[in-house]
Amino acid sequence: RVRHDDWYLRTLSEMFASITAQTKAAVAKGDTLEQVRKDVDLSEFRRRLAGDSPVKKLLFDNYVAGPAIGAAYVEAGGRAAGK
């Protein structure tokens, strides 16, 4: 579907801001990366970006949410695994 507005960019911007805020709060509490990955709620963004497509949901989880939460965790001062 071709878009003629900035919906996609606004959605990504909102999602990354949400990931950053949720992750910073979790790191401040001392949560591990494993716990943060479980607790960061991206369900609304997953619904908006992946819809009902099982393939898009899988791609969202593996190539968007996972890496973005991991990067936000390290950026917020969390310790990367093995470090």
N, C-alpha and C. Protein backbone atom coordinates (compact mmCIF):
# COMPACT_ATOMS: atom_id res chain seq x y z
N ARG A 1 0.84 -1.18 0.00
CA ARG A 1 0.00 0.00 0.00
C ARG A 1 0.89 1.24 0.00
N VAL A 2 0.62 2.12 -0.90
CA VAL A 2 1.39 3.36 -1.00
C VAL A 2 0.79 4.39 -0.05
N ARG A 3 1.67 5.04 0.70
CA ARG A 3 1.23 6.09 1.63
C ARG A 3 1.67 7.44 1.09
N HIS A 4 0.85 8.44 1.34
CA HIS A 4 1.15 9.79 0.88
C HIS A 4 1.20 10.75 2.07
N ASP A 5 1.54 10.22 3.22
CA ASP A 5 1.64 11.04 4.42
C ASP A 5 2.81 10.56 5.26
N ASP A 6 2.93 11.09 6.46
CA ASP A 6 4.07 10.73 7.31
C ASP A 6 3.67 9.75 8.42
N TRP A 7 2.58 9.02 8.23
CA TRP A 7 2.09 8.09 9.24
C TRP A 7 3.18 7.10 9.67
N TYR A 8 3.84 6.49 8.73
CA TYR A 8 4.84 5.47 9.03
C TYR A 8 6.00 6.05 9.84
N LEU A 9 6.50 7.18 9.42
CA LEU A 9 7.61 7.81 10.14
C LEU A 9 7.19 8.25 11.54
N ARG A 10 5.99 8.80 11.67
CA ARG A 10 5.50 9.19 13.00
C ARG A 10 5.34 7.97 13.90
N THR A 11 4.83 6.89 13.34
CA THR A 11 4.64 5.65 14.11
C THR A 11 5.99 5.11 14.59
N LEU A 12 6.97 5.07 13.71
CA LEU A 12 8.30 4.60 14.12
C LEU A 12 8.90 5.51 15.19
N SER A 13 8.76 6.80 15.02
CA SER A 13 9.29 7.74 16.00
C SER A 13 8.63 7.53 17.37
N GLU A 14 7.32 7.37 17.38
CA GLU A 14 6.60 7.11 18.63
C GLU A 14 7.05 5.79 19.25
N MET A 15 7.22 4.77 18.42
CA MET A 15 7.62 3.46 18.92
C MET A 15 9.01 3.51 19.56
N PHE A 16 9.97 4.15 18.88
CA PHE A 16 11.31 4.20 19.43
C PHE A 16 11.36 5.05 20.69
N ALA A 17 10.56 6.10 20.76
CA ALA A 17 10.49 6.91 21.98
C ALA A 17 9.91 6.08 23.13
N SER A 18 8.92 5.27 22.82
CA SER A 18 8.32 4.41 23.83
C SER A 18 9.31 3.35 24.31
N ILE A 19 10.03 2.75 23.39
CA ILE A 19 11.05 1.76 23.75
C ILE A 19 12.09 2.39 24.66
N THR A 20 12.54 3.58 24.30
CA THR A 20 13.57 4.27 25.10
C THR A 20 13.05 4.56 26.50
N ALA A 21 11.86 5.12 26.60
CA ALA A 21 11.31 5.48 27.91
C ALA A 21 11.07 4.26 28.78
N GLN A 22 10.46 3.22 28.22
CA GLN A 22 10.17 2.02 28.99
C GLN A 22 11.47 1.33 29.43
N THR A 23 12.45 1.30 28.54
CA THR A 23 13.72 0.64 28.86
C THR A 23 14.49 1.41 29.91
N LYS A 24 14.54 2.73 29.80
CA LYS A 24 15.23 3.54 30.81
C LYS A 24 14.63 3.32 32.19
N ALA A 25 13.32 3.29 32.26
CA ALA A 25 12.65 3.06 33.55
C ALA A 25 12.99 1.68 34.11
N ALA A 26 13.04 0.69 33.25
CA ALA A 26 13.35 -0.67 33.70
C ALA A 26 14.80 -0.78 34.16
N VAL A 27 15.72 -0.16 33.43
CA VAL A 27 17.15 -0.18 33.82
C VAL A 27 17.33 0.53 35.15
N ALA A 28 16.61 1.62 35.35
CA ALA A 28 16.69 2.37 36.61
C ALA A 28 16.25 1.51 37.79
N LYS A 29 15.33 0.57 37.54
CA LYS A 29 14.89 -0.36 38.59
C LYS A 29 15.86 -1.51 38.78
N GLY A 30 16.82 -1.65 37.84
CA GLY A 30 17.78 -2.73 37.94
C GLY A 30 17.39 -3.99 37.20
N ASP A 31 16.41 -3.90 36.31
CA ASP A 31 15.97 -5.07 35.57
C ASP A 31 17.05 -5.57 34.61
N THR A 32 17.07 -6.87 34.41
CA THR A 32 17.99 -7.49 33.45
C THR A 32 17.43 -7.30 32.04
N LEU A 33 18.27 -7.52 31.05
CA LEU A 33 17.82 -7.42 29.67
C LEU A 33 16.70 -8.42 29.41
N GLU A 34 16.82 -9.61 29.94
CA GLU A 34 15.78 -10.63 29.76
C GLU A 34 14.44 -10.13 30.30
N GLN A 35 14.46 -9.51 31.47
CA GLN A 35 13.23 -8.99 32.07
C GLN A 35 12.68 -7.82 31.25
N VAL A 36 13.57 -6.95 30.81
CA VAL A 36 13.14 -5.80 30.00
C VAL A 36 12.47 -6.28 28.73
N ARG A 37 13.05 -7.27 28.07
CA ARG A 37 12.45 -7.80 26.83
C ARG A 37 11.04 -8.33 27.08
N LYS A 38 10.80 -8.90 28.24
CA LYS A 38 9.47 -9.42 28.57
C LYS A 38 8.50 -8.29 28.91
N ASP A 39 8.99 -7.23 29.54
CA ASP A 39 8.11 -6.21 30.10
C ASP A 39 7.83 -5.01 29.19
N VAL A 40 8.71 -4.72 28.25
CA VAL A 40 8.45 -3.59 27.36
C VAL A 40 7.24 -3.94 26.49
N ASP A 41 6.23 -3.09 26.56
CA ASP A 41 4.97 -3.35 25.86
C ASP A 41 4.94 -2.61 24.53
N LEU A 42 5.04 -3.37 23.46
CA LEU A 42 4.98 -2.81 22.12
C LEU A 42 3.76 -3.32 21.36
N SER A 43 2.79 -3.84 22.09
CA SER A 43 1.64 -4.47 21.45
C SER A 43 0.89 -3.52 20.51
N GLU A 44 0.72 -2.27 20.91
CA GLU A 44 0.01 -1.31 20.05
C GLU A 44 0.79 -1.06 18.76
N PHE A 45 2.10 -0.92 18.86
CA PHE A 45 2.93 -0.69 17.68
C PHE A 45 2.98 -1.94 16.79
N ARG A 46 3.03 -3.09 17.42
CA ARG A 46 3.03 -4.35 16.67
C ARG A 46 1.74 -4.47 15.87
N ARG A 47 0.63 -4.12 16.50
CA ARG A 47 -0.67 -4.17 15.83
C ARG A 47 -0.71 -3.17 14.67
N ARG A 48 -0.25 -1.95 14.92
CA ARG A 48 -0.29 -0.91 13.89
C ARG A 48 0.63 -1.22 12.72
N LEU A 49 1.79 -1.78 12.99
CA LEU A 49 2.78 -2.00 11.93
C LEU A 49 2.67 -3.37 11.26
N ALA A 50 2.27 -4.39 12.02
CA ALA A 50 2.22 -5.75 11.46
C ALA A 50 0.81 -6.22 11.15
N GLY A 51 -0.18 -5.58 11.76
CA GLY A 51 -1.56 -5.99 11.52
C GLY A 51 -1.81 -7.42 11.93
N ASP A 52 -2.53 -8.14 11.12
CA ASP A 52 -2.87 -9.54 11.41
C ASP A 52 -1.95 -10.54 10.73
N SER A 53 -0.95 -10.06 10.03
CA SER A 53 -0.06 -10.93 9.28
C SER A 53 0.91 -11.67 10.21
N PRO A 54 0.86 -13.01 10.22
CA PRO A 54 1.80 -13.77 11.05
C PRO A 54 3.25 -13.52 10.65
N VAL A 55 3.49 -13.35 9.36
CA VAL A 55 4.85 -13.11 8.88
C VAL A 55 5.34 -11.75 9.35
N LYS A 56 4.52 -10.72 9.21
CA LYS A 56 4.91 -9.39 9.65
C LYS A 56 5.11 -9.34 11.17
N LYS A 57 4.30 -10.07 11.92
CA LYS A 57 4.46 -10.13 13.38
C LYS A 57 5.81 -10.76 13.74
N LEU A 58 6.16 -11.83 13.06
CA LEU A 58 7.44 -12.49 13.28
C LEU A 58 8.59 -11.54 12.95
N LEU A 59 8.49 -10.87 11.82
CA LEU A 59 9.52 -9.91 11.43
C LEU A 59 9.62 -8.76 12.44
N PHE A 60 8.49 -8.27 12.91
CA PHE A 60 8.48 -7.20 13.90
C PHE A 60 9.20 -7.65 15.17
N ASP A 61 8.86 -8.82 15.67
CA ASP A 61 9.46 -9.33 16.91
C ASP A 61 10.96 -9.55 16.77
N ASN A 62 11.37 -10.15 15.66
CA ASN A 62 12.77 -10.55 15.49
C ASN A 62 13.69 -9.46 14.97
N TYR A 63 13.15 -8.56 14.16
CA TYR A 63 14.03 -7.59 13.50
C TYR A 63 13.77 -6.14 13.91
N VAL A 64 12.73 -5.90 14.70
CA VAL A 64 12.45 -4.55 15.19
C VAL A 64 12.52 -4.54 16.71
N ALA A 65 11.59 -5.21 17.36
CA ALA A 65 11.48 -5.15 18.82
C ALA A 65 12.73 -5.68 19.51
N GLY A 66 13.18 -6.85 19.15
CA GLY A 66 14.34 -7.45 19.81
C GLY A 66 15.58 -6.58 19.74
N PRO A 67 16.02 -6.21 18.55
CA PRO A 67 17.22 -5.38 18.44
C PRO A 67 17.04 -3.99 19.05
N ALA A 68 15.87 -3.39 18.89
CA ALA A 68 15.66 -2.04 19.42
C ALA A 68 15.69 -2.03 20.94
N ILE A 69 15.09 -3.03 21.57
CA ILE A 69 15.10 -3.10 23.03
C ILE A 69 16.52 -3.37 23.52
N GLY A 70 17.24 -4.25 22.85
CA GLY A 70 18.63 -4.53 23.23
C GLY A 70 19.50 -3.29 23.15
N ALA A 71 19.36 -2.53 22.07
CA ALA A 71 20.15 -1.30 21.91
C ALA A 71 19.76 -0.26 22.96
N ALA A 72 18.46 -0.12 23.21
CA ALA A 72 18.00 0.85 24.21
C ALA A 72 18.49 0.46 25.61
N TYR A 73 18.55 -0.83 25.88
CA TYR A 73 19.03 -1.32 27.17
C TYR A 73 20.48 -0.91 27.40
N VAL A 74 21.32 -1.14 26.42
CA VAL A 74 22.75 -0.77 26.54
C VAL A 74 22.88 0.75 26.63
N GLU A 75 22.13 1.47 25.81
CA GLU A 75 22.18 2.94 25.81
C GLU A 75 21.73 3.50 27.17
N ALA A 76 20.80 2.82 27.83
CA ALA A 76 20.30 3.28 29.12
C ALA A 76 21.24 2.90 30.27
N GLY A 77 22.33 2.23 29.95
CA GLY A 77 23.29 1.88 30.99
C GLY A 77 23.22 0.46 31.48
N GLY A 78 22.36 -0.33 30.86
CA GLY A 78 22.29 -1.75 31.21
C GLY A 78 23.53 -2.46 30.73
N ARG A 79 23.85 -3.53 31.38
CA ARG A 79 25.04 -4.29 31.00
C ARG A 79 24.66 -5.34 29.97
N ALA A 80 25.34 -5.30 28.84
CA ALA A 80 25.13 -6.30 27.81
C ALA A 80 25.57 -7.67 28.33
N ALA A 81 24.93 -8.71 27.86
CA ALA A 81 25.27 -10.07 28.30
C ALA A 81 26.75 -10.34 28.12
N GLY A 82 27.37 -10.90 29.12
CA GLY A 82 28.78 -11.28 29.05
C GLY A 82 29.74 -10.14 29.31
N LYS A 83 29.24 -8.99 29.71
CA LYS A 83 30.12 -7.84 29.94
C LYS A 83 30.06 -7.38 31.36
